[in-house]
C-alpha atoms as a PDB file:
ATOM      1  CA  MET A   1     -18.549  17.268 -42.926  1.00  0.00           C
ATOM      2  CA  LYS A   2     -14.822  16.715 -43.480  1.00  0.00           C
ATOM      3  CA  LYS A   3     -14.107  20.410 -42.874  1.00  0.00           C
ATOM      4  CA  THR A   4     -15.975  20.308 -39.569  1.00  0.00           C
ATOM      5  CA  LEU A   5     -14.123  17.180 -38.485  1.00  0.00           C
ATOM      6  CA  ILE A   6     -10.742  18.635 -39.446  1.00  0.00           C
ATOM      7  CA  ILE A   7     -11.445  21.962 -37.722  1.00  0.00           C
ATOM      8  CA  THR A   8     -12.720  20.255 -34.556  1.00  0.00           C
ATOM      9  CA  THR A   9      -9.747  17.892 -34.404  1.00  0.00           C
ATOM     10  CA  SER A  10      -7.320  20.751 -34.986  1.00  0.00           C
ATOM     11  CA  ALA A  11      -8.983  22.855 -32.295  1.00  0.00           C
ATOM     12  CA  LEU A  12      -8.796  20.026 -29.772  1.00  0.00           C
ATOM     13  CA  MET A  13      -5.146  19.370 -30.568  1.00  0.00           C
ATOM     14  CA  LEU A  14      -4.318  23.071 -30.291  1.00  0.00           C
ATOM     15  CA  ALA A  15      -6.181  23.360 -26.988  1.00  0.00           C
ATOM     16  CA  THR A  16      -4.293  20.350 -25.644  1.00  0.00           C
ATOM     17  CA  LEU A  17      -0.942  21.790 -26.653  1.00  0.00           C
ATOM     18  CA  ILE A  18      -1.708  25.235 -25.233  1.00  0.00           C
ATOM     19  CA  THR A  19      -2.927  24.029 -21.840  1.00  0.00           C
ATOM     20  CA  GLY A  20       0.006  21.681 -21.320  1.00  0.00           C
ATOM     21  CA  CYS A  21       0.303  19.340 -18.410  1.00  0.00           C
ATOM     22  CA  ASN A  22       0.302  21.082 -15.052  1.00  0.00           C
ATOM     23  CA  THR A  23       0.082  18.007 -12.842  1.00  0.00           C
ATOM     24  CA  PRO A  24       2.869  17.637 -10.290  1.00  0.00           C
ATOM     25  CA  ASP A  25       5.523  15.060 -11.002  1.00  0.00           C
ATOM     26  CA  MET A  26       5.577  11.852  -9.021  1.00  0.00           C
ATOM     27  CA  PRO A  27       8.263  11.780  -6.357  1.00  0.00           C
ATOM     28  CA  SER A  28      11.269   9.722  -7.301  1.00  0.00           C
ATOM     29  CA  LEU A  29      11.655   6.569  -5.243  1.00  0.00           C
ATOM     30  CA  SER A  30      14.958   5.568  -6.724  1.00  0.00           C
ATOM     31  CA  LYS A  31      16.933   6.687  -3.684  1.00  0.00           C
ATOM     32  CA  GLY A  32      17.891   3.828  -1.430  1.00  0.00           C
ATOM     33  CA  SER A  33      16.401   5.018   1.847  1.00  0.00           C
ATOM     34  CA  ASP A  34      13.255   6.418   0.210  1.00  0.00           C
ATOM     35  CA  SER A  35      12.432   3.147  -1.479  1.00  0.00           C
ATOM     36  CA  GLN A  36      13.134   1.266   1.748  1.00  0.00           C
ATOM     37  CA  CYS A  37      10.856   3.656   3.642  1.00  0.00           C
ATOM     38  CA  TYR A  38       8.138   3.186   1.044  1.00  0.00           C
ATOM     39  CA  SER A  39       8.527  -0.583   1.242  1.00  0.00           C
ATOM     40  CA  LEU A  40       8.344  -0.542   5.043  1.00  0.00           C
ATOM     41  CA  GLU A  41       5.271   1.687   4.939  1.00  0.00           C
ATOM     42  CA  ARG A  42       3.546  -0.770   2.583  1.00  0.00           C
ATOM     43  CA  LYS A  43       4.457  -3.677   4.866  1.00  0.00           C
ATOM     44  CA  ILE A  44       3.072  -1.850   7.908  1.00  0.00           C
ATOM     45  CA  VAL A  45      -0.182  -1.147   6.080  1.00  0.00           C
ATOM     46  CA  GLN A  46      -0.456  -4.821   5.114  1.00  0.00           C
ATOM     47  CA  VAL A  47       0.138  -5.922   8.715  1.00  0.00           C
ATOM     48  CA  ASP A  48      -2.457  -3.388   9.916  1.00  0.00           C
ATOM     49  CA  GLU A  49      -4.993  -4.814   7.467  1.00  0.00           C
ATOM     50  CA  TYR A  50      -4.184  -8.341   8.653  1.00  0.00           C
ATOM     51  CA  ILE A  51      -4.575  -7.295  12.298  1.00  0.00           C
ATOM     52  CA  ALA A  52      -7.939  -5.671  11.542  1.00  0.00           C
ATOM     53  CA  GLN A  53      -9.145  -8.782   9.718  1.00  0.00           C
ATOM     54  CA  VAL A  54      -8.034 -11.124  12.502  1.00  0.00           C
ATOM     55  CA  ASP A  55      -9.531  -8.834  15.133  1.00  0.00           C
ATOM     56  CA  ALA A  56     -12.885  -8.878  13.322  1.00  0.00           C
ATOM     57  CA  THR A  57     -12.823 -12.674  13.023  1.00  0.00           C
ATOM     58  CA  PRO A  58     -14.508 -14.643  15.810  1.00  0.00           C
ATOM     59  CA  ALA A  59     -12.038 -16.648  17.898  1.00  0.00           C
ATOM     60  CA  SER A  60     -13.744 -19.892  16.931  1.00  0.00           C
ATOM     61  CA  GLN A  61     -13.059 -19.203  13.245  1.00  0.00           C
ATOM     62  CA  ALA A  62      -9.481 -17.920  13.531  1.00  0.00           C
ATOM     63  CA  GLY A  63      -8.009 -21.232  12.412  1.00  0.00           C
ATOM     64  CA  GLU A  64     -10.257 -21.337   9.372  1.00  0.00           C
ATOM     65  CA  PHE A  65      -9.347 -17.740   8.582  1.00  0.00           C
ATOM     66  CA  GLN A  66      -5.631 -18.562   8.735  1.00  0.00           C
ATOM     67  CA  ALA A  67      -6.148 -21.601   6.509  1.00  0.00           C
ATOM     68  CA  ALA A  68      -8.163 -19.530   4.024  1.00  0.00           C
ATOM     69  CA  LEU A  69      -5.357 -16.995   3.713  1.00  0.00           C
ATOM     70  CA  GLY A  70      -2.971 -19.750   2.809  1.00  0.00           C
ATOM     71  CA  ASN A  71       0.100 -17.869   3.964  1.00  0.00           C
ATOM     72  CA  ALA A  72       1.761 -17.936   7.333  1.00  0.00           C
ATOM     73  CA  ARG A  73       3.602 -14.677   6.788  1.00  0.00           C
ATOM     74  CA  TYR A  74       2.565 -13.062  10.059  1.00  0.00           C
ATOM     75  CA  SER A  75       1.717 -16.036  12.265  1.00  0.00           C
ATOM     76  CA  ARG A  76       1.735 -19.812  12.141  1.00  0.00           C
ATOM     77  CA  SER A  77      -0.709 -20.128  14.993  1.00  0.00           C
ATOM     78  CA  THR A  78      -4.410 -20.784  14.586  1.00  0.00           C
ATOM     79  CA  ASN A  79      -5.234 -19.179  17.930  1.00  0.00           C
ATOM     80  CA  LYS A  80      -6.582 -15.629  17.537  1.00  0.00           C
ATOM     81  CA  LYS A  81      -4.678 -14.312  20.562  1.00  0.00           C
ATOM     82  CA  PHE A  82      -1.359 -15.636  19.277  1.00  0.00           C
ATOM     83  CA  MET A  83      -2.086 -14.512  15.718  1.00  0.00           C
ATOM     84  CA  LEU A  84      -2.603 -10.938  16.932  1.00  0.00           C
ATOM     85  CA  ARG A  85       0.467 -11.099  19.172  1.00  0.00           C
ATOM     86  CA  ASP A  86       2.708 -12.311  16.355  1.00  0.00           C
ATOM     87  CA  ALA A  87       1.389  -9.729  13.894  1.00  0.00           C
ATOM     88  CA  LYS A  88       1.881  -6.903  16.402  1.00  0.00           C
ATOM     89  CA  LYS A  89       5.475  -8.033  16.995  1.00  0.00           C
ATOM     90  CA  ILE A  90       6.139  -7.938  13.260  1.00  0.00           C
ATOM     91  CA  LYS A  91       4.558  -4.488  13.041  1.00  0.00           C
ATOM     92  CA  ALA A  92       6.743  -3.273  15.915  1.00  0.00           C
ATOM     93  CA  ASN A  93       9.843  -4.601  14.119  1.00  0.00           C
ATOM     94  CA  TYR A  94       8.869  -2.763  10.930  1.00  0.00           C
ATOM     95  CA  GLU A  95       8.274   0.450  12.893  1.00  0.00           C
ATOM     96  CA  GLN A  96      11.666   0.077  14.573  1.00  0.00           C
ATOM     97  CA  GLU A  97      13.310  -0.289  11.157  1.00  0.00           C
ATOM     98  CA  GLN A  98      11.452   2.844  10.066  1.00  0.00           C
ATOM     99  CA  ARG A  99      12.859   4.786  13.005  1.00  0.00           C
ATOM    100  CA  GLN A 100      16.381   3.510  12.295  1.00  0.00           C
ATOM    101  CA  LEU A 101      16.140   4.674   8.681  1.00  0.00           C
ATOM    102  CA  GLN A 102      14.678   7.985   9.918  1.00  0.00           C
ATOM    103  CA  CYS A 103      11.687   7.677   7.628  1.00  0.00           C
ATOM    104  CA  LYS A 104       9.045  10.358   7.681  1.00  0.00           C
ATOM    105  CA  THR A 105       5.838   8.861   9.021  1.00  0.00           C
ATOM    106  CA  LYS A 106       2.335  10.227   8.672  1.00  0.00           C
END
C-alpha cells in the first residue's frame, strides 16, 4: 500500500514538473496610463450597469431604487429621467478621459 502511494505521488509530481505551466502571463498594469485606462474602463462598466438598472426600473419606483442603492455617486435626483441624464453625462466624461489618454477600447 505504501509503495503504491509513493509511486503514485512521485508519478504525479513528475508529470506536473514535466508539463510545466503554459498559461500566458497576466498583462502588467503597473504602467501609469495602463492602470488609468483599466480604472476608467471599470468605471464605465459600472455606469453602464447603473444605467441598465435605472432603465429597467419603473419611473414610479426610481426614488425607491436610488434610496436602496444608498449612494448618490451618479445622480442625486430621484426622477428616472434625471438619473439617466446624470449617469450618461458621467459616462461621457469617462469616455472623454479615455480618448485623452488614448486608451484602447473594445
